[in-house]
């Protein structure tokens, strides 16, 4: 598990039924492509977030496959329709096998 990894999620907490809301996510991660070398000439191993998912309750909202060309601290912004009150669950999958998760509840008013 990489050190210093922290996720951030921003979305409205209260919405109306059927509203399409913006969701913004960011994870602090140094993201190493595996194509650079260190001072000794050894290849620095690849270390990236290679997949990001978002689910609303048990329904998939997004499932993104990430490649080495992505920047440090990946930021994803997307929209989702909220049919009822529930919880959005987010997961970032690291090359080292770690899975970083976050969740946020939304209330339909």
PDB file of N, CA and C in Angstrom:
ATOM      1  N   UNK A   1       0.850  -1.171   0.000  1.00  0.00           N
ATOM      2  CA  UNK A   1       0.000   0.000   0.000  1.00  0.00           C
ATOM      3  C   UNK A   1       0.894   1.232   0.000  1.00  0.00           C
ATOM      4  N   UNK A   2       0.646   2.130  -0.923  1.00  0.00           N
ATOM      5  CA  UNK A   2       1.416   3.370  -1.032  1.00  0.00           C
ATOM      6  C   UNK A   2       1.129   4.271   0.163  1.00  0.00           C
ATOM      7  N   UNK A   3       2.130   5.028   0.553  1.00  0.00           N
ATOM      8  CA  UNK A   3       1.940   5.935   1.686  1.00  0.00           C
ATOM      9  C   UNK A   3       1.437   7.287   1.200  1.00  0.00           C
ATOM     10  N   UNK A   4       0.739   7.993   2.075  1.00  0.00           N
ATOM     11  CA  UNK A   4       0.259   9.332   1.764  1.00  0.00           C
ATOM     12  C   UNK A   4      -0.910   9.399   0.803  1.00  0.00           C
ATOM     13  N   UNK A   5      -1.576   8.290   0.555  1.00  0.00           N
ATOM     14  CA  UNK A   5      -2.709   8.276  -0.375  1.00  0.00           C
ATOM     15  C   UNK A   5      -3.958   8.742   0.365  1.00  0.00           C
ATOM     16  N   UNK A   6      -4.650   9.738  -0.221  1.00  0.00           N
ATOM     17  CA  UNK A   6      -5.865  10.257   0.397  1.00  0.00           C
ATOM     18  C   UNK A   6      -6.879  10.564  -0.700  1.00  0.00           C
ATOM     19  N   UNK A   7      -8.108  10.117  -0.494  1.00  0.00           N
ATOM     20  CA  UNK A   7      -9.163  10.388  -1.477  1.00  0.00           C
ATOM     21  C   UNK A   7      -9.999  11.576  -1.028  1.00  0.00           C
ATOM     22  N   UNK A   8     -10.557  12.254  -2.030  1.00  0.00           N
ATOM     23  CA  UNK A   8     -11.474  13.365  -1.781  1.00  0.00           C
ATOM     24  C   UNK A   8     -12.651  13.223  -2.741  1.00  0.00           C
ATOM     25  N   UNK A   9     -13.853  13.414  -2.217  1.00  0.00           N
ATOM     26  CA  UNK A   9     -15.065  13.297  -3.020  1.00  0.00           C
ATOM     27  C   UNK A   9     -15.938  14.515  -2.749  1.00  0.00           C
ATOM     28  N   UNK A  10     -16.484  15.096  -3.823  1.00  0.00           N
ATOM     29  CA  UNK A  10     -17.377  16.241  -3.660  1.00  0.00           C
ATOM     30  C   UNK A  10     -18.626  16.007  -4.497  1.00  0.00           C
ATOM     31  N   UNK A  11     -19.775  16.023  -3.813  1.00  0.00           N
ATOM     32  CA  UNK A  11     -21.070  15.923  -4.479  1.00  0.00           C
ATOM     33  C   UNK A  11     -22.121  16.524  -3.553  1.00  0.00           C
ATOM     34  N   UNK A  12     -23.269  16.927  -4.106  1.00  0.00           N
ATOM     35  CA  UNK A  12     -24.317  17.496  -3.253  1.00  0.00           C
ATOM     36  C   UNK A  12     -24.831  16.463  -2.262  1.00  0.00           C
ATOM     37  N   UNK A  13     -25.121  16.892  -1.055  1.00  0.00           N
ATOM     38  CA  UNK A  13     -25.631  15.976  -0.014  1.00  0.00           C
ATOM     39  C   UNK A  13     -27.152  15.820  -0.088  1.00  0.00           C
ATOM     40  N   UNK A  14     -27.841  16.845  -0.581  1.00  0.00           N
ATOM     41  CA  UNK A  14     -29.306  16.807  -0.686  1.00  0.00           C
ATOM     42  C   UNK A  14     -29.697  17.168  -2.112  1.00  0.00           C
ATOM     43  N   UNK A  15     -30.555  16.323  -2.713  1.00  0.00           N
ATOM     44  CA  UNK A  15     -30.968  16.503  -4.102  1.00  0.00           C
ATOM     45  C   UNK A  15     -32.450  16.164  -4.237  1.00  0.00           C
ATOM     46  N   UNK A  16     -33.003  16.438  -5.396  1.00  0.00           N
ATOM     47  CA  UNK A  16     -34.374  16.009  -5.678  1.00  0.00           C
ATOM     48  C   UNK A  16     -34.326  14.700  -6.461  1.00  0.00           C
ATOM     49  N   UNK A  17     -35.366  13.897  -6.364  1.00  0.00           N
ATOM     50  CA  UNK A  17     -35.426  12.603  -7.053  1.00  0.00           C
ATOM     51  C   UNK A  17     -35.268  12.807  -8.554  1.00  0.00           C
ATOM     52  N   UNK A  18     -34.398  12.037  -9.164  1.00  0.00           N
ATOM     53  CA  UNK A  18     -34.169  12.111 -10.602  1.00  0.00           C
ATOM     54  C   UNK A  18     -33.181  13.178 -11.029  1.00  0.00           C
ATOM     55  N   UNK A  19     -32.686  13.957 -10.098  1.00  0.00           N
ATOM     56  CA  UNK A  19     -31.734  15.022 -10.429  1.00  0.00           C
ATOM     57  C   UNK A  19     -30.407  14.419 -10.899  1.00  0.00           C
ATOM     58  N   UNK A  20     -29.804  15.065 -11.892  1.00  0.00           N
ATOM     59  CA  UNK A  20     -28.476  14.684 -12.364  1.00  0.00           C
ATOM     60  C   UNK A  20     -27.487  15.592 -11.654  1.00  0.00           C
ATOM     61  N   UNK A  21     -26.550  14.976 -10.921  1.00  0.00           N
ATOM     62  CA  UNK A  21     -25.624  15.757 -10.103  1.00  0.00           C
ATOM     63  C   UNK A  21     -24.181  15.599 -10.590  1.00  0.00           C
ATOM     64  N   UNK A  22     -23.357  16.623 -10.375  1.00  0.00           N
ATOM     65  CA  UNK A  22     -21.931  16.488 -10.674  1.00  0.00           C
ATOM     66  C   UNK A  22     -21.231  15.788  -9.511  1.00  0.00           C
ATOM     67  N   UNK A  23     -20.297  14.925  -9.843  1.00  0.00           N
ATOM     68  CA  UNK A  23     -19.487  14.241  -8.836  1.00  0.00           C
ATOM     69  C   UNK A  23     -18.030  14.467  -9.199  1.00  0.00           C
ATOM     70  N   UNK A  24     -17.250  14.927  -8.226  1.00  0.00           N
ATOM     71  CA  UNK A  24     -15.826  15.173  -8.433  1.00  0.00           C
ATOM     72  C   UNK A  24     -15.034  14.322  -7.448  1.00  0.00           C
ATOM     73  N   UNK A  25     -14.019  13.628  -7.961  1.00  0.00           N
ATOM     74  CA  UNK A  25     -13.171  12.813  -7.088  1.00  0.00           C
ATOM     75  C   UNK A  25     -11.707  13.098  -7.401  1.00  0.00           C
ATOM     76  N   UNK A  26     -10.898  13.006  -6.375  1.00  0.00           N
ATOM     77  CA  UNK A  26      -9.460  13.176  -6.522  1.00  0.00           C
ATOM     78  C   UNK A  26      -8.785  12.241  -5.541  1.00  0.00           C
ATOM     79  N   UNK A  27      -7.686  11.651  -5.943  1.00  0.00           N
ATOM     80  CA  UNK A  27      -6.910  10.839  -5.016  1.00  0.00           C
ATOM     81  C   UNK A  27      -5.450  11.273  -5.116  1.00  0.00           C
ATOM     82  N   UNK A  28      -4.837  11.505  -3.970  1.00  0.00           N
ATOM     83  CA  UNK A  28      -3.422  11.866  -3.967  1.00  0.00           C
ATOM     84  C   UNK A  28      -2.616  10.578  -4.126  1.00  0.00           C
ATOM     85  N   UNK A  29      -1.883  10.505  -5.219  1.00  0.00           N
ATOM     86  CA  UNK A  29      -1.083   9.316  -5.533  1.00  0.00           C
ATOM     87  C   UNK A  29       0.005   9.760  -6.496  1.00  0.00           C
ATOM     88  N   UNK A  30       1.241   9.355  -6.246  1.00  0.00           N
ATOM     89  CA  UNK A  30       2.357   9.871  -7.050  1.00  0.00           C
ATOM     90  C   UNK A  30       2.388   9.366  -8.490  1.00  0.00           C
ATOM     91  N   UNK A  31       1.771   8.240  -8.785  1.00  0.00           N
ATOM     92  CA  UNK A  31       1.638   7.722 -10.148  1.00  0.00           C
ATOM     93  C   UNK A  31       2.981   7.650 -10.897  1.00  0.00           C
ATOM     94  N   UNK A  32       3.605   6.496 -10.862  1.00  0.00           N
ATOM     95  CA  UNK A  32       4.862   6.268 -11.576  1.00  0.00           C
ATOM     96  C   UNK A  32       4.571   5.394 -12.790  1.00  0.00           C
ATOM     97  N   UNK A  33       4.946   5.852 -13.981  1.00  0.00           N
ATOM     98  CA  UNK A  33       4.593   5.173 -15.233  1.00  0.00           C
ATOM     99  C   UNK A  33       5.352   3.879 -15.493  1.00  0.00           C
ATOM    100  N   UNK A  34       6.498   3.688 -14.855  1.00  0.00           N
ATOM    101  CA  UNK A  34       7.316   2.514 -15.122  1.00  0.00           C
ATOM    102  C   UNK A  34       8.254   2.708 -16.297  1.00  0.00           C
ATOM    103  N   UNK A  35       8.345   3.928 -16.807  1.00  0.00           N
ATOM    104  CA  UNK A  35       9.196   4.215 -17.964  1.00  0.00           C
ATOM    105  C   UNK A  35      10.406   5.079 -17.615  1.00  0.00           C
ATOM    106  N   UNK A  36      10.487   5.526 -16.368  1.00  0.00           N
ATOM    107  CA  UNK A  36      11.634   6.349 -15.956  1.00  0.00           C
ATOM    108  C   UNK A  36      12.673   5.481 -15.262  1.00  0.00           C
ATOM    109  N   UNK A  37      13.888   6.019 -15.170  1.00  0.00           N
ATOM    110  CA  UNK A  37      14.962   5.334 -14.459  1.00  0.00           C
ATOM    111  C   UNK A  37      15.453   6.203 -13.317  1.00  0.00           C
ATOM    112  N   UNK A  38      15.999   5.550 -12.298  1.00  0.00           N
ATOM    113  CA  UNK A  38      16.546   6.297 -11.163  1.00  0.00           C
ATOM    114  C   UNK A  38      17.995   6.695 -11.450  1.00  0.00           C
ATOM    115  N   UNK A  39      18.691   7.297 -10.452  1.00  0.00           N
ATOM    116  CA  UNK A  39      20.071   7.761 -10.647  1.00  0.00           C
ATOM    117  C   UNK A  39      21.030   6.634 -10.996  1.00  0.00           C
ATOM    118  N   UNK A  40      20.724   5.421 -10.542  1.00  0.00           N
ATOM    119  CA  UNK A  40      21.585   4.270 -10.817  1.00  0.00           C
ATOM    120  C   UNK A  40      21.283   3.636 -12.177  1.00  0.00           C
ATOM    121  N   UNK A  41      20.259   4.120 -12.878  1.00  0.00           N
ATOM    122  CA  UNK A  41      19.893   3.577 -14.186  1.00  0.00           C
ATOM    123  C   UNK A  41      18.887   2.450 -14.140  1.00  0.00           C
ATOM    124  N   UNK A  42      18.404   2.128 -12.946  1.00  0.00           N
ATOM    125  CA  UNK A  42      17.400   1.064 -12.813  1.00  0.00           C
ATOM    126  C   UNK A  42      16.008   1.634 -13.104  1.00  0.00           C
ATOM    127  N   UNK A  43      15.192   0.837 -13.745  1.00  0.00           N
ATOM    128  CA  UNK A  43      13.824   1.258 -14.053  1.00  0.00           C
ATOM    129  C   UNK A  43      13.032   1.382 -12.757  1.00  0.00           C
ATOM    130  N   UNK A  44      12.340   2.507 -12.606  1.00  0.00           N
ATOM    131  CA  UNK A  44      11.465   2.712 -11.453  1.00  0.00           C
ATOM    132  C   UNK A  44      10.177   1.938 -11.750  1.00  0.00           C
ATOM    133  N   UNK A  45       9.796   1.007 -10.886  1.00  0.00           N
ATOM    134  CA  UNK A  45       8.618   0.176 -11.162  1.00  0.00           C
ATOM    135  C   UNK A  45       7.330   0.999 -11.327  1.00  0.00           C
ATOM    136  N   UNK A  46       6.484   0.503 -12.211  1.00  0.00           N
ATOM    137  CA  UNK A  46       5.191   1.149 -12.426  1.00  0.00           C
ATOM    138  C   UNK A  46       4.377   1.102 -11.135  1.00  0.00           C
ATOM    139  N   UNK A  47       3.742   2.212 -10.805  1.00  0.00           N
ATOM    140  CA  UNK A  47       2.886   2.297  -9.617  1.00  0.00           C
ATOM    141  C   UNK A  47       1.792   3.309  -9.922  1.00  0.00           C
ATOM    142  N   UNK A  48       0.671   2.821 -10.453  1.00  0.00           N
ATOM    143  CA  UNK A  48      -0.425   3.718 -10.809  1.00  0.00           C
ATOM    144  C   UNK A  48      -1.748   3.196 -10.246  1.00  0.00           C
ATOM    145  N   UNK A  49      -2.690   4.107 -10.159  1.00  0.00           N
ATOM    146  CA  UNK A  49      -4.084   3.722  -9.946  1.00  0.00           C
ATOM    147  C   UNK A  49      -4.550   3.256 -11.320  1.00  0.00           C
ATOM    148  N   UNK A  50      -4.849   1.954 -11.462  1.00  0.00           N
ATOM    149  CA  UNK A  50      -5.162   1.423 -12.794  1.00  0.00           C
ATOM    150  C   UNK A  50      -6.667   1.258 -13.055  1.00  0.00           C
ATOM    151  N   UNK A  51      -7.470   1.493 -12.016  1.00  0.00           N
ATOM    152  CA  UNK A  51      -8.923   1.381 -12.209  1.00  0.00           C
ATOM    153  C   UNK A  51      -9.634   2.238 -11.169  1.00  0.00           C
ATOM    154  N   UNK A  52     -10.739   2.849 -11.587  1.00  0.00           N
ATOM    155  CA  UNK A  52     -11.574   3.630 -10.692  1.00  0.00           C
ATOM    156  C   UNK A  52     -13.020   3.213 -10.928  1.00  0.00           C
ATOM    157  N   UNK A  53     -13.765   2.975  -9.837  1.00  0.00           N
ATOM    158  CA  UNK A  53     -15.180   2.631  -9.972  1.00  0.00           C
ATOM    159  C   UNK A  53     -16.029   3.490  -9.035  1.00  0.00           C
ATOM    160  N   UNK A  54     -17.269   3.672  -9.428  1.00  0.00           N
ATOM    161  CA  UNK A  54     -18.259   4.334  -8.594  1.00  0.00           C
ATOM    162  C   UNK A  54     -19.556   3.547  -8.716  1.00  0.00           C
ATOM    163  N   UNK A  55     -20.170   3.275  -7.570  1.00  0.00           N
ATOM    164  CA  UNK A  55     -21.459   2.586  -7.523  1.00  0.00           C
ATOM    165  C   UNK A  55     -22.436   3.409  -6.693  1.00  0.00           C
ATOM    166  N   UNK A  56     -23.687   3.426  -7.102  1.00  0.00           N
ATOM    167  CA  UNK A  56     -24.762   3.981  -6.284  1.00  0.00           C
ATOM    168  C   UNK A  56     -25.543   2.782  -5.781  1.00  0.00           C
ATOM    169  N   UNK A  57     -25.467   2.561  -4.468  1.00  0.00           N
ATOM    170  CA  UNK A  57     -25.997   1.336  -3.869  1.00  0.00           C
ATOM    171  C   UNK A  57     -25.348   0.160  -4.614  1.00  0.00           C
ATOM    172  N   UNK A  58     -26.080  -0.713  -5.289  1.00  0.00           N
ATOM    173  CA  UNK A  58     -25.475  -1.844  -6.002  1.00  0.00           C
ATOM    174  C   UNK A  58     -25.364  -1.619  -7.508  1.00  0.00           C
ATOM    175  N   UNK A  59     -25.677  -0.415  -7.965  1.00  0.00           N
ATOM    176  CA  UNK A  59     -25.683  -0.120  -9.396  1.00  0.00           C
ATOM    177  C   UNK A  59     -24.398   0.593  -9.815  1.00  0.00           C
ATOM    178  N   UNK A  60     -23.733   0.059 -10.851  1.00  0.00           N
ATOM    179  CA  UNK A  60     -22.505   0.687 -11.350  1.00  0.00           C
ATOM    180  C   UNK A  60     -22.833   2.020 -12.010  1.00  0.00           C
ATOM    181  N   UNK A  61     -22.062   3.038 -11.675  1.00  0.00           N
ATOM    182  CA  UNK A  61     -22.204   4.362 -12.283  1.00  0.00           C
ATOM    183  C   UNK A  61     -21.092   4.558 -13.305  1.00  0.00           C
ATOM    184  N   UNK A  62     -19.841   4.357 -12.890  1.00  0.00           N
ATOM    185  CA  UNK A  62     -18.701   4.413 -13.806  1.00  0.00           C
ATOM    186  C   UNK A  62     -17.709   3.317 -13.435  1.00  0.00           C
ATOM    187  N   UNK A  63     -16.967   2.861 -14.441  1.00  0.00           N
ATOM    188  CA  UNK A  63     -15.886   1.901 -14.259  1.00  0.00           C
ATOM    189  C   UNK A  63     -14.822   2.299 -15.277  1.00  0.00           C
ATOM    190  N   UNK A  64     -13.738   2.898 -14.790  1.00  0.00           N
ATOM    191  CA  UNK A  64     -12.725   3.487 -15.659  1.00  0.00           C
ATOM    192  C   UNK A  64     -11.426   2.704 -15.561  1.00  0.00           C
ATOM    193  N   UNK A  65     -10.891   2.306 -16.700  1.00  0.00           N
ATOM    194  CA  UNK A  65      -9.569   1.676 -16.761  1.00  0.00           C
ATOM    195  C   UNK A  65      -8.555   2.783 -17.025  1.00  0.00           C
ATOM    196  N   UNK A  66      -7.544   2.873 -16.172  1.00  0.00           N
ATOM    197  CA  UNK A  66      -6.559   3.950 -16.248  1.00  0.00           C
ATOM    198  C   UNK A  66      -5.239   3.390 -16.765  1.00  0.00           C
ATOM    199  N   UNK A  67      -4.532   4.180 -17.571  1.00  0.00           N
ATOM    200  CA  UNK A  67      -3.268   3.760 -18.172  1.00  0.00           C
ATOM    201  C   UNK A  67      -2.124   4.644 -17.674  1.00  0.00           C
ATOM    202  N   UNK A  68      -0.870   4.251 -17.902  1.00  0.00           N
ATOM    203  CA  UNK A  68       0.273   4.978 -17.353  1.00  0.00           C
ATOM    204  C   UNK A  68       0.377   6.451 -17.752  1.00  0.00           C
ATOM    205  N   UNK A  69      -0.294   6.877 -18.791  1.00  0.00           N
ATOM    206  CA  UNK A  69      -0.205   8.277 -19.219  1.00  0.00           C
ATOM    207  C   UNK A  69      -0.970   9.253 -18.337  1.00  0.00           C
ATOM    208  N   UNK A  70      -1.710   8.775 -17.346  1.00  0.00           N
ATOM    209  CA  UNK A  70      -2.492   9.666 -16.499  1.00  0.00           C
ATOM    210  C   UNK A  70      -1.571  10.422 -15.542  1.00  0.00           C
ATOM    211  N   UNK A  71      -1.984  11.604 -15.175  1.00  0.00           N
ATOM    212  CA  UNK A  71      -1.177  12.471 -14.314  1.00  0.00           C
ATOM    213  C   UNK A  71      -1.184  12.019 -12.860  1.00  0.00           C
ATOM    214  N   UNK A  72      -0.242  12.553 -12.116  1.00  0.00           N
ATOM    215  CA  UNK A  72      -0.212  12.371 -10.668  1.00  0.00           C
ATOM    216  C   UNK A  72      -1.515  12.919 -10.084  1.00  0.00           C
ATOM    217  N   UNK A  73      -1.977  12.327  -9.001  1.00  0.00           N
ATOM    218  CA  UNK A  73      -3.209  12.756  -8.320  1.00  0.00           C
ATOM    219  C   UNK A  73      -4.411  12.777  -9.269  1.00  0.00           C
ATOM    220  N   UNK A  74      -4.824  11.618  -9.763  1.00  0.00           N
ATOM    221  CA  UNK A  74      -5.909  11.568 -10.743  1.00  0.00           C
ATOM    222  C   UNK A  74      -7.214  12.192 -10.246  1.00  0.00           C
ATOM    223  N   UNK A  75      -7.803  12.995 -11.103  1.00  0.00           N
ATOM    224  CA  UNK A  75      -9.055  13.695 -10.839  1.00  0.00           C
ATOM    225  C   UNK A  75     -10.075  13.200 -11.855  1.00  0.00           C
ATOM    226  N   UNK A  76     -11.245  12.787 -11.366  1.00  0.00           N
ATOM    227  CA  UNK A  76     -12.332  12.362 -12.241  1.00  0.00           C
ATOM    228  C   UNK A  76     -13.562  13.189 -11.913  1.00  0.00           C
ATOM    229  N   UNK A  77     -14.229  13.673 -12.954  1.00  0.00           N
ATOM    230  CA  UNK A  77     -15.491  14.397 -12.786  1.00  0.00           C
ATOM    231  C   UNK A  77     -16.503  13.785 -13.740  1.00  0.00           C
ATOM    232  N   UNK A  78     -17.685  13.487 -13.220  1.00  0.00           N
ATOM    233  CA  UNK A  78     -18.734  12.891 -14.035  1.00  0.00           C
ATOM    234  C   UNK A  78     -20.083  13.264 -13.431  1.00  0.00           C
ATOM    235  N   UNK A  79     -21.158  12.882 -14.100  1.00  0.00           N
ATOM    236  CA  UNK A  79     -22.509  13.183 -13.634  1.00  0.00           C
ATOM    237  C   UNK A  79     -23.261  11.874 -13.424  1.00  0.00           C
ATOM    238  N   UNK A  80     -24.191  11.908 -12.480  1.00  0.00           N
ATOM    239  CA  UNK A  80     -24.999  10.718 -12.200  1.00  0.00           C
ATOM    240  C   UNK A  80     -26.408  11.146 -11.813  1.00  0.00           C
ATOM    241  N   UNK A  81     -27.386  10.362 -12.235  1.00  0.00           N
ATOM    242  CA  UNK A  81     -28.780  10.599 -11.857  1.00  0.00           C
ATOM    243  C   UNK A  81     -29.030   9.912 -10.512  1.00  0.00           C
ATOM    244  N   UNK A  82     -29.712  10.629  -9.614  1.00  0.00           N
ATOM    245  CA  UNK A  82     -29.991  10.094  -8.276  1.00  0.00           C
ATOM    246  C   UNK A  82     -31.484   9.764  -8.184  1.00  0.00           C
ATOM    247  N   UNK A  83     -31.852   8.477  -8.214  1.00  0.00           N
ATOM    248  CA  UNK A  83     -33.260   8.094  -8.203  1.00  0.00           C
ATOM    249  C   UNK A  83     -33.894   8.121  -6.810  1.00  0.00           C
ATOM    250  N   UNK A  84     -33.070   7.957  -5.771  1.00  0.00           N
ATOM    251  CA  UNK A  84     -33.577   7.857  -4.392  1.00  0.00           C
ATOM    252  C   UNK A  84     -32.414   8.129  -3.439  1.00  0.00           C
ATOM    253  N   UNK A  85     -32.713   8.253  -2.174  1.00  0.00           N
ATOM    254  CA  UNK A  85     -31.654   8.406  -1.184  1.00  0.00           C
ATOM    255  C   UNK A  85     -30.785   7.157  -1.187  1.00  0.00           C
ATOM    256  N   UNK A  86     -29.494   7.328  -0.975  1.00  0.00           N
ATOM    257  CA  UNK A  86     -28.592   6.185  -0.972  1.00  0.00           C
ATOM    258  C   UNK A  86     -27.155   6.614  -0.788  1.00  0.00           C
ATOM    259  N   UNK A  87     -26.268   5.680  -1.026  1.00  0.00           N
ATOM    260  CA  UNK A  87     -24.842   5.911  -0.809  1.00  0.00           C
ATOM    261  C   UNK A  87     -24.069   5.652  -2.105  1.00  0.00           C
ATOM    262  N   UNK A  88     -23.227   6.618  -2.459  1.00  0.00           N
ATOM    263  CA  UNK A  88     -22.269   6.427  -3.544  1.00  0.00           C
ATOM    264  C   UNK A  88     -21.011   5.827  -2.939  1.00  0.00           C
ATOM    265  N   UNK A  89     -20.477   4.778  -3.580  1.00  0.00           N
ATOM    266  CA  UNK A  89     -19.242   4.140  -3.119  1.00  0.00           C
ATOM    267  C   UNK A  89     -18.197   4.247  -4.226  1.00  0.00           C
ATOM    268  N   UNK A  90     -17.011   4.657  -3.839  1.00  0.00           N
ATOM    269  CA  UNK A  90     -15.918   4.897  -4.775  1.00  0.00           C
ATOM    270  C   UNK A  90     -14.757   3.977  -4.433  1.00  0.00           C
ATOM    271  N   UNK A  91     -14.053   3.476  -5.461  1.00  0.00           N
ATOM    272  CA  UNK A  91     -12.892   2.618  -5.241  1.00  0.00           C
ATOM    273  C   UNK A  91     -11.817   2.925  -6.276  1.00  0.00           C
ATOM    274  N   UNK A  92     -10.588   3.064  -5.789  1.00  0.00           N
ATOM    275  CA  UNK A  92      -9.412   3.271  -6.623  1.00  0.00           C
ATOM    276  C   UNK A  92      -8.519   2.054  -6.439  1.00  0.00           C
ATOM    277  N   UNK A  93      -8.136   1.407  -7.533  1.00  0.00           N
ATOM    278  CA  UNK A  93      -7.351   0.172  -7.494  1.00  0.00           C
ATOM    279  C   UNK A  93      -5.901   0.466  -7.869  1.00  0.00           C
ATOM    280  N   UNK A  94      -4.982   0.153  -6.958  1.00  0.00           N
ATOM    281  CA  UNK A  94      -3.563   0.429  -7.131  1.00  0.00           C
ATOM    282  C   UNK A  94      -2.857  -0.794  -7.709  1.00  0.00           C
ATOM    283  N   UNK A  95      -1.773  -0.570  -8.445  1.00  0.00           N
ATOM    284  CA  UNK A  95      -0.982  -1.672  -8.993  1.00  0.00           C
ATOM    285  C   UNK A  95      -0.454  -2.614  -7.920  1.00  0.00           C
ATOM    286  N   UNK A  96      -0.236  -2.102  -6.706  1.00  0.00           N
ATOM    287  CA  UNK A  96       0.319  -2.955  -5.654  1.00  0.00           C
ATOM    288  C   UNK A  96      -0.735  -3.830  -4.981  1.00  0.00           C
ATOM    289  N   UNK A  97      -1.956  -3.793  -5.483  1.00  0.00           N
ATOM    290  CA  UNK A  97      -3.036  -4.616  -4.945  1.00  0.00           C
ATOM    291  C   UNK A  97      -3.926  -3.901  -3.948  1.00  0.00           C
ATOM    292  N   UNK A  98      -3.512  -2.726  -3.507  1.00  0.00           N
ATOM    293  CA  UNK A  98      -4.318  -1.959  -2.552  1.00  0.00           C
ATOM    294  C   UNK A  98      -5.564  -1.405  -3.243  1.00  0.00           C
ATOM    295  N   UNK A  99      -6.635  -1.308  -2.481  1.00  0.00           N
ATOM    296  CA  UNK A  99      -7.871  -0.687  -2.961  1.00  0.00           C
ATOM    297  C   UNK A  99      -8.226   0.397  -1.953  1.00  0.00           C
ATOM    298  N   UNK A 100      -8.300   1.626  -2.430  1.00  0.00           N
ATOM    299  CA  UNK A 100      -8.649   2.765  -1.588  1.00  0.00           C
ATOM    300  C   UNK A 100     -10.123   3.075  -1.814  1.00  0.00           C
ATOM    301  N   UNK A 101     -10.881   3.205  -0.744  1.00  0.00           N
ATOM    302  CA  UNK A 101     -12.323   3.399  -0.879  1.00  0.00           C
ATOM    303  C   UNK A 101     -12.782   4.653  -0.148  1.00  0.00           C
ATOM    304  N   UNK A 102     -13.922   5.144  -0.574  1.00  0.00           N
ATOM    305  CA  UNK A 102     -14.589   6.279   0.063  1.00  0.00           C
ATOM    306  C   UNK A 102     -16.065   6.102  -0.247  1.00  0.00           C
ATOM    307  N   UNK A 103     -16.905   6.757   0.527  1.00  0.00           N
ATOM    308  CA  UNK A 103     -18.348   6.720   0.261  1.00  0.00           C
ATOM    309  C   UNK A 103     -18.970   8.019   0.731  1.00  0.00           C
ATOM    310  N   UNK A 104     -20.121   8.331   0.135  1.00  0.00           N
ATOM    311  CA  UNK A 104     -20.836   9.529   0.526  1.00  0.00           C
ATOM    312  C   UNK A 104     -22.325   9.314   0.306  1.00  0.00           C
ATOM    313  N   UNK A 105     -23.103   9.646   1.326  1.00  0.00           N
ATOM    314  CA  UNK A 105     -24.555   9.498   1.259  1.00  0.00           C
ATOM    315  C   UNK A 105     -25.181  10.706   0.580  1.00  0.00           C
ATOM    316  N   UNK A 106     -26.291  10.451  -0.098  1.00  0.00           N
ATOM    317  CA  UNK A 106     -27.096  11.497  -0.720  1.00  0.00           C
ATOM    318  C   UNK A 106     -28.527  11.315  -0.249  1.00  0.00           C
ATOM    319  N   UNK A 107     -29.147  12.406   0.135  1.00  0.00           N
ATOM    320  CA  UNK A 107     -30.533  12.368   0.605  1.00  0.00           C
ATOM    321  C   UNK A 107     -31.445  13.033  -0.419  1.00  0.00           C
ATOM    322  N   UNK A 108     -32.485  12.319  -0.831  1.00  0.00           N
ATOM    323  CA  UNK A 108     -33.489  12.886  -1.736  1.00  0.00           C
ATOM    324  C   UNK A 108     -34.526  13.592  -0.863  1.00  0.00           C
ATOM    325  N   UNK A 109     -34.751  14.866  -1.185  1.00  0.00           N
ATOM    326  CA  UNK A 109     -35.718  15.661  -0.398  1.00  0.00           C
ATOM    327  C   UNK A 109     -36.913  16.039  -1.246  1.00  0.00           C
TER     328      UNK A 109
END
